[in-house]
Amino acid sequence: MQQVPNLFLIGPMGAGKSTIGRLLASELSREFLDSDHVIEARCGADIPWIFDVEGEAGFRQREMHMIDELTRREDVVLATGGGAVLREENRRALRERGTVVYLFTTVEQQLRRTARDRSRPLLQCDNREQVLNAMYARRDPLYRATADLIVRTDRRGPRSVVNDILRRVRRLADPLQHSDTRAAP
């Protein structure tokens, strides 16, 4: 059986990338990386501070360098920030260096999951729903164009999502070994 390639998780904030990524890494005995957390650790500052000082453009530049570095590692599960797909360089690195899984969730679910979160600079506004809808309109086509797999996370527990991803990724890695006549969800 072929080795499961690096797994790169993309999707909007609140889709569960970090939670699901940690579980996937544990199941596969791999290192889990979160590009936002690595940026914070290297800078010695949190994302909101970086946005305040450098603006979104400065943060996106740091993010691009970090994704380039982290996607070159082997045997990893990487959770990316929600805006990572905005740059073609990031989309290319993700597509070329592993299997990309788009964790899809609705704006309504994002609103529920991020309701009390004050660490997301793009949501520090009066109309969070409007901001999330605008981000969805811009980013969803990029997520879909980048992804090898699209997995819905709404109304599903993290363990169920992880099992679904593992089944589907293993089928991609070795389709003859894992042929199945059942329809994928």
N, C-alpha and C. Protein backbone atom coordinates (compact mmCIF):
# COMPACT_ATOMS: atom_id res chain seq x y z
N MET A 1 0.84 -1.19 0.00
CA MET A 1 0.00 0.00 0.00
C MET A 1 0.88 1.24 0.00
N GLN A 2 0.50 2.24 -0.76
CA GLN A 2 1.25 3.48 -0.82
C GLN A 2 1.09 4.27 0.47
N GLN A 3 2.13 5.03 0.77
CA GLN A 3 2.09 5.94 1.91
C GLN A 3 1.09 7.06 1.65
N VAL A 4 0.32 7.43 2.67
CA VAL A 4 -0.57 8.58 2.56
C VAL A 4 0.32 9.82 2.49
N PRO A 5 0.11 10.68 1.51
CA PRO A 5 0.96 11.87 1.37
C PRO A 5 0.69 12.89 2.49
N ASN A 6 1.51 13.94 2.49
CA ASN A 6 1.22 15.05 3.40
C ASN A 6 -0.22 15.48 3.21
N LEU A 7 -0.86 15.88 4.30
CA LEU A 7 -2.24 16.37 4.23
C LEU A 7 -2.25 17.84 4.61
N PHE A 8 -2.84 18.64 3.74
CA PHE A 8 -2.93 20.07 3.95
C PHE A 8 -4.41 20.45 4.04
N LEU A 9 -4.80 21.03 5.16
CA LEU A 9 -6.19 21.40 5.40
C LEU A 9 -6.39 22.88 5.09
N ILE A 10 -7.37 23.15 4.24
CA ILE A 10 -7.74 24.51 3.90
C ILE A 10 -9.22 24.70 4.21
N GLY A 11 -9.64 25.93 4.30
CA GLY A 11 -11.04 26.22 4.55
C GLY A 11 -11.16 27.47 5.39
N PRO A 12 -12.39 27.92 5.59
CA PRO A 12 -12.61 29.17 6.32
C PRO A 12 -12.37 29.00 7.81
N MET A 13 -12.26 30.14 8.49
CA MET A 13 -12.16 30.11 9.95
C MET A 13 -13.40 29.44 10.51
N GLY A 14 -13.18 28.63 11.53
CA GLY A 14 -14.30 27.94 12.15
C GLY A 14 -14.69 26.63 11.48
N ALA A 15 -13.94 26.21 10.47
CA ALA A 15 -14.26 24.94 9.80
C ALA A 15 -13.74 23.74 10.58
N GLY A 16 -12.82 23.97 11.52
CA GLY A 16 -12.28 22.88 12.32
C GLY A 16 -10.91 22.41 11.89
N LYS A 17 -10.18 23.22 11.15
CA LYS A 17 -8.88 22.80 10.62
C LYS A 17 -7.90 22.36 11.71
N SER A 18 -7.82 23.13 12.78
CA SER A 18 -6.86 22.79 13.85
C SER A 18 -7.30 21.54 14.61
N THR A 19 -8.54 21.48 14.99
CA THR A 19 -9.05 20.31 15.74
C THR A 19 -8.93 19.04 14.91
N ILE A 20 -9.39 19.09 13.68
CA ILE A 20 -9.36 17.92 12.80
C ILE A 20 -7.92 17.58 12.43
N GLY A 21 -7.11 18.61 12.21
CA GLY A 21 -5.70 18.38 11.89
C GLY A 21 -4.96 17.64 12.98
N ARG A 22 -5.19 18.03 14.24
CA ARG A 22 -4.53 17.34 15.36
C ARG A 22 -4.95 15.87 15.41
N LEU A 23 -6.24 15.61 15.22
CA LEU A 23 -6.73 14.22 15.24
C LEU A 23 -6.15 13.41 14.08
N LEU A 24 -6.12 14.01 12.89
CA LEU A 24 -5.53 13.32 11.73
C LEU A 24 -4.06 12.99 11.98
N ALA A 25 -3.32 13.96 12.49
CA ALA A 25 -1.90 13.74 12.75
C ALA A 25 -1.70 12.61 13.75
N SER A 26 -2.53 12.58 14.78
CA SER A 26 -2.44 11.51 15.77
C SER A 26 -2.73 10.15 15.13
N GLU A 27 -3.79 10.07 14.33
CA GLU A 27 -4.15 8.81 13.66
C GLU A 27 -3.04 8.31 12.74
N LEU A 28 -2.34 9.25 12.10
CA LEU A 28 -1.30 8.89 11.12
C LEU A 28 0.10 8.89 11.72
N SER A 29 0.20 9.17 13.02
CA SER A 29 1.50 9.29 13.70
C SER A 29 2.41 10.28 12.98
N ARG A 30 1.86 11.46 12.76
CA ARG A 30 2.58 12.52 12.06
C ARG A 30 2.64 13.78 12.91
N GLU A 31 3.52 14.67 12.49
CA GLU A 31 3.60 15.96 13.14
C GLU A 31 2.43 16.83 12.66
N PHE A 32 1.80 17.52 13.60
CA PHE A 32 0.75 18.48 13.25
C PHE A 32 1.34 19.87 13.28
N LEU A 33 1.07 20.63 12.23
CA LEU A 33 1.51 22.02 12.14
C LEU A 33 0.31 22.90 11.82
N ASP A 34 0.28 24.07 12.43
CA ASP A 34 -0.73 25.08 12.13
C ASP A 34 0.05 26.30 11.69
N SER A 35 -0.09 26.70 10.43
CA SER A 35 0.73 27.78 9.90
C SER A 35 0.59 29.07 10.71
N ASP A 36 -0.60 29.39 11.18
CA ASP A 36 -0.78 30.60 11.99
C ASP A 36 -0.01 30.50 13.31
N HIS A 37 -0.05 29.34 13.95
CA HIS A 37 0.66 29.17 15.22
C HIS A 37 2.17 29.24 15.03
N VAL A 38 2.66 28.69 13.93
CA VAL A 38 4.10 28.76 13.67
C VAL A 38 4.52 30.21 13.41
N ILE A 39 3.71 30.95 12.68
CA ILE A 39 4.00 32.37 12.45
C ILE A 39 4.06 33.11 13.78
N GLU A 40 3.08 32.87 14.65
CA GLU A 40 3.07 33.53 15.96
C GLU A 40 4.31 33.17 16.77
N ALA A 41 4.67 31.91 16.77
CA ALA A 41 5.84 31.46 17.54
C ALA A 41 7.12 32.11 17.02
N ARG A 42 7.26 32.17 15.71
CA ARG A 42 8.47 32.76 15.13
C ARG A 42 8.54 34.27 15.34
N CYS A 43 7.40 34.93 15.30
CA CYS A 43 7.36 36.40 15.46
C CYS A 43 7.37 36.82 16.92
N GLY A 44 6.96 35.93 17.79
CA GLY A 44 6.81 36.30 19.18
C GLY A 44 5.64 37.24 19.40
N ALA A 45 4.67 37.18 18.48
CA ALA A 45 3.50 38.05 18.56
C ALA A 45 2.30 37.30 17.99
N ASP A 46 1.10 37.67 18.44
CA ASP A 46 -0.08 37.00 17.93
C ASP A 46 -0.54 37.64 16.61
N ILE A 47 -1.41 36.93 15.92
CA ILE A 47 -1.89 37.36 14.60
C ILE A 47 -2.54 38.75 14.65
N PRO A 48 -3.42 39.04 15.63
CA PRO A 48 -4.00 40.38 15.66
C PRO A 48 -2.94 41.49 15.74
N TRP A 49 -1.88 41.27 16.52
CA TRP A 49 -0.82 42.26 16.62
C TRP A 49 -0.11 42.43 15.27
N ILE A 50 0.18 41.32 14.59
CA ILE A 50 0.83 41.39 13.28
C ILE A 50 -0.05 42.18 12.31
N PHE A 51 -1.36 41.92 12.32
CA PHE A 51 -2.29 42.67 11.47
C PHE A 51 -2.25 44.16 11.81
N ASP A 52 -2.24 44.47 13.11
CA ASP A 52 -2.21 45.88 13.53
C ASP A 52 -0.95 46.59 13.06
N VAL A 53 0.18 45.94 13.17
CA VAL A 53 1.46 46.58 12.87
C VAL A 53 1.79 46.53 11.38
N GLU A 54 1.55 45.38 10.75
CA GLU A 54 1.98 45.19 9.36
C GLU A 54 0.83 45.21 8.36
N GLY A 55 -0.39 45.19 8.85
CA GLY A 55 -1.55 45.13 7.97
C GLY A 55 -1.72 43.73 7.41
N GLU A 56 -2.83 43.54 6.70
CA GLU A 56 -3.08 42.22 6.13
C GLU A 56 -2.01 41.85 5.11
N ALA A 57 -1.55 42.82 4.32
CA ALA A 57 -0.54 42.54 3.30
C ALA A 57 0.75 42.01 3.93
N GLY A 58 1.17 42.61 5.04
CA GLY A 58 2.37 42.14 5.73
C GLY A 58 2.20 40.73 6.27
N PHE A 59 1.02 40.49 6.85
CA PHE A 59 0.75 39.14 7.35
C PHE A 59 0.75 38.13 6.21
N ARG A 60 0.11 38.45 5.09
CA ARG A 60 0.03 37.51 3.96
C ARG A 60 1.42 37.19 3.40
N GLN A 61 2.32 38.16 3.45
CA GLN A 61 3.69 37.90 3.00
C GLN A 61 4.37 36.89 3.93
N ARG A 62 4.22 37.08 5.23
CA ARG A 62 4.77 36.12 6.20
C ARG A 62 4.14 34.73 5.98
N GLU A 63 2.85 34.72 5.77
CA GLU A 63 2.12 33.47 5.58
C GLU A 63 2.63 32.73 4.34
N MET A 64 2.89 33.46 3.27
CA MET A 64 3.38 32.84 2.04
C MET A 64 4.72 32.14 2.28
N HIS A 65 5.63 32.81 2.97
CA HIS A 65 6.93 32.20 3.26
C HIS A 65 6.78 30.98 4.17
N MET A 66 5.88 31.07 5.14
CA MET A 66 5.67 29.96 6.07
C MET A 66 5.07 28.75 5.35
N ILE A 67 4.10 28.97 4.49
CA ILE A 67 3.49 27.84 3.77
C ILE A 67 4.51 27.20 2.84
N ASP A 68 5.32 28.00 2.20
CA ASP A 68 6.38 27.44 1.35
C ASP A 68 7.29 26.53 2.17
N GLU A 69 7.69 27.00 3.34
CA GLU A 69 8.57 26.21 4.20
C GLU A 69 7.89 24.95 4.73
N LEU A 70 6.70 25.10 5.28
CA LEU A 70 6.04 23.97 5.94
C LEU A 70 5.59 22.89 4.96
N THR A 71 5.21 23.26 3.74
CA THR A 71 4.77 22.25 2.77
C THR A 71 5.95 21.44 2.24
N ARG A 72 7.17 21.87 2.48
CA ARG A 72 8.36 21.11 2.06
C ARG A 72 8.73 20.01 3.04
N ARG A 73 8.15 20.04 4.22
CA ARG A 73 8.44 18.99 5.22
C ARG A 73 7.76 17.70 4.80
N GLU A 74 8.20 16.61 5.40
CA GLU A 74 7.61 15.30 5.09
C GLU A 74 6.83 14.79 6.29
N ASP A 75 5.83 13.98 6.00
CA ASP A 75 5.02 13.32 7.02
C ASP A 75 4.37 14.31 7.99
N VAL A 76 3.68 15.29 7.41
CA VAL A 76 3.00 16.29 8.24
C VAL A 76 1.52 16.38 7.88
N VAL A 77 0.78 16.90 8.83
CA VAL A 77 -0.58 17.37 8.61
C VAL A 77 -0.52 18.86 8.92
N LEU A 78 -0.88 19.68 7.94
CA LEU A 78 -0.78 21.13 8.06
C LEU A 78 -2.15 21.78 7.97
N ALA A 79 -2.48 22.56 8.99
CA ALA A 79 -3.69 23.39 8.95
C ALA A 79 -3.25 24.79 8.55
N THR A 80 -3.88 25.33 7.52
CA THR A 80 -3.53 26.67 7.04
C THR A 80 -4.56 27.68 7.56
N GLY A 81 -4.18 28.93 7.50
CA GLY A 81 -5.13 30.00 7.82
C GLY A 81 -6.18 30.09 6.73
N GLY A 82 -7.33 30.65 7.06
CA GLY A 82 -8.44 30.73 6.11
C GLY A 82 -8.12 31.49 4.83
N GLY A 83 -7.23 32.46 4.90
CA GLY A 83 -6.89 33.27 3.73
C GLY A 83 -5.68 32.79 2.96
N ALA A 84 -5.13 31.66 3.34
CA ALA A 84 -3.92 31.16 2.67
C ALA A 84 -4.11 30.99 1.16
N VAL A 85 -5.32 30.66 0.74
CA VAL A 85 -5.57 30.41 -0.68
C VAL A 85 -5.62 31.68 -1.52
N LEU A 86 -5.55 32.84 -0.88
CA LEU A 86 -5.65 34.09 -1.64
C LEU A 86 -4.44 34.31 -2.56
N ARG A 87 -3.32 33.70 -2.24
CA ARG A 87 -2.12 33.85 -3.06
C ARG A 87 -1.89 32.61 -3.91
N GLU A 88 -1.66 32.84 -5.18
CA GLU A 88 -1.40 31.72 -6.11
C GLU A 88 -0.20 30.91 -5.66
N GLU A 89 0.83 31.55 -5.12
CA GLU A 89 2.03 30.81 -4.67
C GLU A 89 1.65 29.78 -3.61
N ASN A 90 0.75 30.14 -2.72
CA ASN A 90 0.31 29.20 -1.69
C ASN A 90 -0.50 28.06 -2.30
N ARG A 91 -1.41 28.39 -3.17
CA ARG A 91 -2.24 27.35 -3.81
C ARG A 91 -1.36 26.36 -4.56
N ARG A 92 -0.36 26.87 -5.27
CA ARG A 92 0.54 25.99 -6.03
C ARG A 92 1.35 25.08 -5.09
N ALA A 93 1.92 25.66 -4.04
CA ALA A 93 2.71 24.86 -3.09
C ALA A 93 1.86 23.77 -2.46
N LEU A 94 0.65 24.10 -2.07
CA LEU A 94 -0.24 23.11 -1.46
C LEU A 94 -0.58 21.99 -2.44
N ARG A 95 -0.97 22.36 -3.66
CA ARG A 95 -1.36 21.35 -4.67
C ARG A 95 -0.20 20.44 -5.04
N GLU A 96 0.99 21.00 -5.15
CA GLU A 96 2.14 20.23 -5.65
C GLU A 96 2.81 19.37 -4.59
N ARG A 97 2.57 19.64 -3.32
CA ARG A 97 3.36 18.97 -2.27
C ARG A 97 2.56 18.07 -1.35
N GLY A 98 1.29 17.85 -1.64
CA GLY A 98 0.52 16.97 -0.78
C GLY A 98 -0.92 16.87 -1.25
N THR A 99 -1.73 16.25 -0.43
CA THR A 99 -3.16 16.14 -0.70
C THR A 99 -3.86 17.26 0.07
N VAL A 100 -4.66 18.03 -0.66
CA VAL A 100 -5.33 19.20 -0.07
C VAL A 100 -6.78 18.84 0.22
N VAL A 101 -7.17 19.06 1.46
CA VAL A 101 -8.53 18.76 1.90
C VAL A 101 -9.21 20.08 2.29
N TYR A 102 -10.28 20.39 1.59
CA TYR A 102 -11.09 21.59 1.88
C TYR A 102 -12.14 21.20 2.89
N LEU A 103 -12.04 21.75 4.09
CA LEU A 103 -13.04 21.54 5.13
C LEU A 103 -14.11 22.61 4.94
N PHE A 104 -15.20 22.20 4.35
CA PHE A 104 -16.29 23.12 4.02
C PHE A 104 -17.23 23.26 5.20
N THR A 105 -17.63 24.50 5.45
CA THR A 105 -18.65 24.78 6.45
C THR A 105 -19.44 26.00 5.99
N THR A 106 -20.66 26.11 6.46
CA THR A 106 -21.51 27.23 6.07
C THR A 106 -21.16 28.48 6.88
N VAL A 107 -21.58 29.62 6.38
CA VAL A 107 -21.40 30.88 7.10
C VAL A 107 -22.14 30.83 8.43
N GLU A 108 -23.32 30.22 8.46
CA GLU A 108 -24.08 30.12 9.70
C GLU A 108 -23.27 29.35 10.76
N GLN A 109 -22.65 28.27 10.34
CA GLN A 109 -21.83 27.48 11.27
C GLN A 109 -20.61 28.28 11.73
N GLN A 110 -20.00 29.02 10.80
CA GLN A 110 -18.86 29.87 11.16
C GLN A 110 -19.26 30.89 12.23
N LEU A 111 -20.41 31.50 12.05
CA LEU A 111 -20.88 32.49 13.02
C LEU A 111 -21.02 31.86 14.41
N ARG A 112 -21.56 30.65 14.46
CA ARG A 112 -21.71 29.97 15.75
C ARG A 112 -20.35 29.63 16.36
N ARG A 113 -19.45 29.09 15.52
CA ARG A 113 -18.16 28.64 16.05
C ARG A 113 -17.21 29.78 16.42
N THR A 114 -17.40 30.94 15.86
CA THR A 114 -16.49 32.06 16.15
C THR A 114 -17.15 33.16 16.99
N ALA A 115 -18.33 32.90 17.51
CA ALA A 115 -19.12 33.93 18.21
C ALA A 115 -18.35 34.62 19.34
N ARG A 116 -17.59 33.89 20.10
CA ARG A 116 -16.89 34.46 21.25
C ARG A 116 -15.41 34.67 21.00
N ASP A 117 -14.96 34.38 19.81
CA ASP A 117 -13.53 34.46 19.48
C ASP A 117 -13.13 35.90 19.17
N ARG A 118 -12.21 36.44 19.93
CA ARG A 118 -11.73 37.81 19.72
C ARG A 118 -10.34 37.83 19.09
N SER A 119 -9.84 36.67 18.67
CA SER A 119 -8.48 36.59 18.13
C SER A 119 -8.44 36.62 16.60
N ARG A 120 -9.57 36.86 15.97
CA ARG A 120 -9.62 36.87 14.50
C ARG A 120 -9.78 38.30 14.01
N PRO A 121 -8.68 38.90 13.53
CA PRO A 121 -8.71 40.32 13.18
C PRO A 121 -9.77 40.70 12.15
N LEU A 122 -10.03 39.83 11.19
CA LEU A 122 -10.98 40.18 10.14
C LEU A 122 -12.42 40.18 10.62
N LEU A 123 -12.65 39.64 11.83
CA LEU A 123 -14.02 39.61 12.37
C LEU A 123 -14.24 40.66 13.47
N GLN A 124 -13.30 41.55 13.65
CA GLN A 124 -13.46 42.61 14.64
C GLN A 124 -14.20 43.77 13.99
N CYS A 125 -15.48 43.57 13.79
CA CYS A 125 -16.32 44.54 13.08
C CYS A 125 -17.75 44.44 13.59
N ASP A 126 -18.60 45.32 13.09
CA ASP A 126 -20.00 45.33 13.53
C ASP A 126 -20.84 44.24 12.87
N ASN A 127 -20.59 43.93 11.59
CA ASN A 127 -21.42 42.96 10.89
C ASN A 127 -20.58 41.76 10.44
N ARG A 128 -20.38 40.85 11.39
CA ARG A 128 -19.56 39.66 11.14
C ARG A 128 -20.14 38.80 10.01
N GLU A 129 -21.46 38.68 9.96
CA GLU A 129 -22.09 37.86 8.93
C GLU A 129 -21.79 38.41 7.54
N GLN A 130 -21.86 39.72 7.39
CA GLN A 130 -21.56 40.33 6.09
C GLN A 130 -20.10 40.07 5.69
N VAL A 131 -19.19 40.18 6.64
CA VAL A 131 -17.77 39.93 6.37
C VAL A 131 -17.57 38.47 5.97
N LEU A 132 -18.18 37.55 6.71
CA LEU A 132 -18.03 36.12 6.40
C LEU A 132 -18.63 35.78 5.04
N ASN A 133 -19.77 36.37 4.70
CA ASN A 133 -20.36 36.14 3.38
C ASN A 133 -19.46 36.65 2.27
N ALA A 134 -18.85 37.80 2.46
CA ALA A 134 -17.94 38.35 1.45
C ALA A 134 -16.71 37.47 1.30
N MET A 135 -16.17 36.99 2.43
CA MET A 135 -15.01 36.09 2.36
C MET A 135 -15.39 34.79 1.66
N TYR A 136 -16.56 34.26 1.98
CA TYR A 136 -17.02 33.03 1.33
C TYR A 136 -17.09 33.22 -0.18
N ALA A 137 -17.70 34.31 -0.62
CA ALA A 137 -17.86 34.56 -2.07
C ALA A 137 -16.50 34.61 -2.77
N ARG A 138 -15.53 35.20 -2.12
CA ARG A 138 -14.20 35.33 -2.74
C ARG A 138 -13.38 34.05 -2.63
N ARG A 139 -13.45 33.38 -1.48
CA ARG A 139 -12.53 32.27 -1.20
C ARG A 139 -13.03 30.90 -1.60
N ASP A 140 -14.34 30.65 -1.53
CA ASP A 140 -14.86 29.31 -1.83
C ASP A 140 -14.39 28.80 -3.20
N PRO A 141 -14.44 29.60 -4.26
CA PRO A 141 -13.94 29.09 -5.55
C PRO A 141 -12.45 28.73 -5.51
N LEU A 142 -11.67 29.47 -4.72
CA LEU A 142 -10.23 29.18 -4.59
C LEU A 142 -10.01 27.90 -3.80
N TYR A 143 -10.78 27.71 -2.73
CA TYR A 143 -10.68 26.46 -1.97
C TYR A 143 -10.99 25.27 -2.88
N ARG A 144 -12.07 25.39 -3.63
CA ARG A 144 -12.50 24.28 -4.49
C ARG A 144 -11.48 23.98 -5.60
N ALA A 145 -10.89 25.02 -6.16
CA ALA A 145 -9.91 24.84 -7.23
C ALA A 145 -8.60 24.24 -6.70
N THR A 146 -8.33 24.41 -5.44
CA THR A 146 -7.08 23.94 -4.84
C THR A 146 -7.22 22.52 -4.29
N ALA A 147 -8.40 22.15 -3.86
CA ALA A 147 -8.62 20.91 -3.11
C ALA A 147 -8.63 19.66 -3.97
N ASP A 148 -8.08 18.59 -3.38
CA ASP A 148 -8.23 17.24 -3.93
C ASP A 148 -9.51 16.61 -3.41
N LEU A 149 -9.88 16.98 -2.18
CA LEU A 149 -11.09 16.46 -1.54
C LEU A 149 -11.84 17.60 -0.88
N ILE A 150 -13.15 17.53 -0.90
CA ILE A 150 -13.99 18.49 -0.19
C ILE A 150 -14.78 17.70 0.84
N VAL A 151 -14.66 18.10 2.10
CA VAL A 151 -15.31 17.38 3.20
C VAL A 151 -16.12 18.39 4.00
N ARG A 152 -17.41 18.14 4.10
CA ARG A 152 -18.31 19.02 4.86
C ARG A 152 -18.14 18.73 6.35
N THR A 153 -18.04 19.81 7.15
CA THR A 153 -17.86 19.63 8.59
C THR A 153 -19.08 20.04 9.41
N ASP A 154 -20.08 20.65 8.81
CA ASP A 154 -21.28 21.06 9.54
C ASP A 154 -21.99 19.86 10.14
N ARG A 155 -22.43 20.04 11.38
CA ARG A 155 -23.25 19.02 12.07
C ARG A 155 -22.58 17.65 12.13
N ARG A 156 -21.26 17.65 12.16
CA ARG A 156 -20.52 16.39 12.27
C ARG A 156 -19.47 16.56 13.35
N GLY A 157 -19.26 15.50 14.11
CA GLY A 157 -18.20 15.53 15.10
C GLY A 157 -16.84 15.41 14.43
N PRO A 158 -15.81 15.92 15.09
CA PRO A 158 -14.46 15.85 14.51
C PRO A 158 -14.02 14.43 14.18
N ARG A 159 -14.34 13.46 15.02
CA ARG A 159 -13.91 12.08 14.78
C ARG A 159 -14.55 11.54 13.49
N SER A 160 -15.81 11.84 13.25
CA SER A 160 -16.48 11.42 12.02
C SER A 160 -15.82 12.04 10.80
N VAL A 161 -15.47 13.31 10.89
CA VAL A 161 -14.80 13.99 9.77
C VAL A 161 -13.43 13.35 9.52
N VAL A 162 -12.69 13.08 10.58
CA VAL A 162 -11.36 12.46 10.45
C VAL A 162 -11.47 11.09 9.78
N ASN A 163 -12.41 10.28 10.21
CA ASN A 163 -12.58 8.95 9.61
C ASN A 163 -12.93 9.06 8.13
N ASP A 164 -13.77 10.01 7.78
CA ASP A 164 -14.14 10.24 6.39
C ASP A 164 -12.91 10.63 5.57
N ILE A 165 -12.12 11.57 6.09
CA ILE A 165 -10.91 12.01 5.38
C ILE A 165 -9.95 10.85 5.19
N LEU A 166 -9.70 10.10 6.24
CA LEU A 166 -8.75 8.98 6.15
C LEU A 166 -9.20 7.96 5.11
N ARG A 167 -10.47 7.63 5.12
CA ARG A 167 -10.99 6.66 4.14
C ARG A 167 -10.79 7.18 2.72
N ARG A 168 -11.13 8.43 2.51
CA ARG A 168 -11.05 9.00 1.16
C ARG A 168 -9.61 9.23 0.70
N VAL A 169 -8.74 9.62 1.62
CA VAL A 169 -7.33 9.84 1.26
C VAL A 169 -6.65 8.51 0.95
N ARG A 170 -6.97 7.51 1.70
CA ARG A 170 -6.37 6.18 1.43
C ARG A 170 -6.85 5.65 0.08
N ARG A 171 -8.08 5.94 -0.26
CA ARG A 171 -8.60 5.52 -1.56
C ARG A 171 -7.85 6.26 -2.68
N LEU A 172 -7.56 7.54 -2.47
CA LEU A 172 -6.78 8.30 -3.46
C LEU A 172 -5.36 7.75 -3.59
N ALA A 173 -4.75 7.40 -2.45
CA ALA A 173 -3.37 6.92 -2.45
C ALA A 173 -3.23 5.57 -3.11
N ASP A 174 -4.24 4.72 -2.96
CA ASP A 174 -4.16 3.37 -3.51
C ASP A 174 -5.57 2.92 -3.92
N PRO A 175 -6.05 3.40 -5.07
CA PRO A 175 -7.45 3.14 -5.46
C PRO A 175 -7.78 1.66 -5.64
N LEU A 176 -6.83 0.83 -6.06
CA LEU A 176 -7.12 -0.59 -6.25
C LEU A 176 -7.29 -1.31 -4.92
N GLN A 177 -6.48 -0.95 -3.95
CA GLN A 177 -6.53 -1.58 -2.63
C GLN A 177 -7.82 -1.20 -1.90
N HIS A 178 -8.31 0.01 -2.16
CA HIS A 178 -9.46 0.51 -1.42
C HIS A 178 -10.67 0.75 -2.32
N SER A 179 -10.81 -0.06 -3.34
CA SER A 179 -11.97 0.14 -4.21
C SER A 179 -13.23 -0.15 -3.41
N ASP A 180 -14.23 0.62 -3.69
CA ASP A 180 -15.46 0.55 -2.94
C ASP A 180 -16.59 0.98 -3.87
N THR A 181 -17.65 0.22 -3.89
CA THR A 181 -18.74 0.55 -4.78
C THR A 181 -19.71 1.55 -4.16
N ARG A 182 -19.57 1.83 -2.88
CA ARG A 182 -20.45 2.80 -2.24
C ARG A 182 -20.10 4.21 -2.69
N ALA A 183 -21.09 5.04 -2.79
CA ALA A 183 -20.87 6.44 -3.18
C ALA A 183 -20.22 7.20 -2.04
N ALA A 184 -19.32 8.07 -2.39
CA ALA A 184 -18.68 8.93 -1.38
C ALA A 184 -19.69 9.98 -0.93
N PRO A 185 -19.58 10.39 0.34
CA PRO A 185 -20.55 11.38 0.84
C PRO A 185 -20.36 12.73 0.18
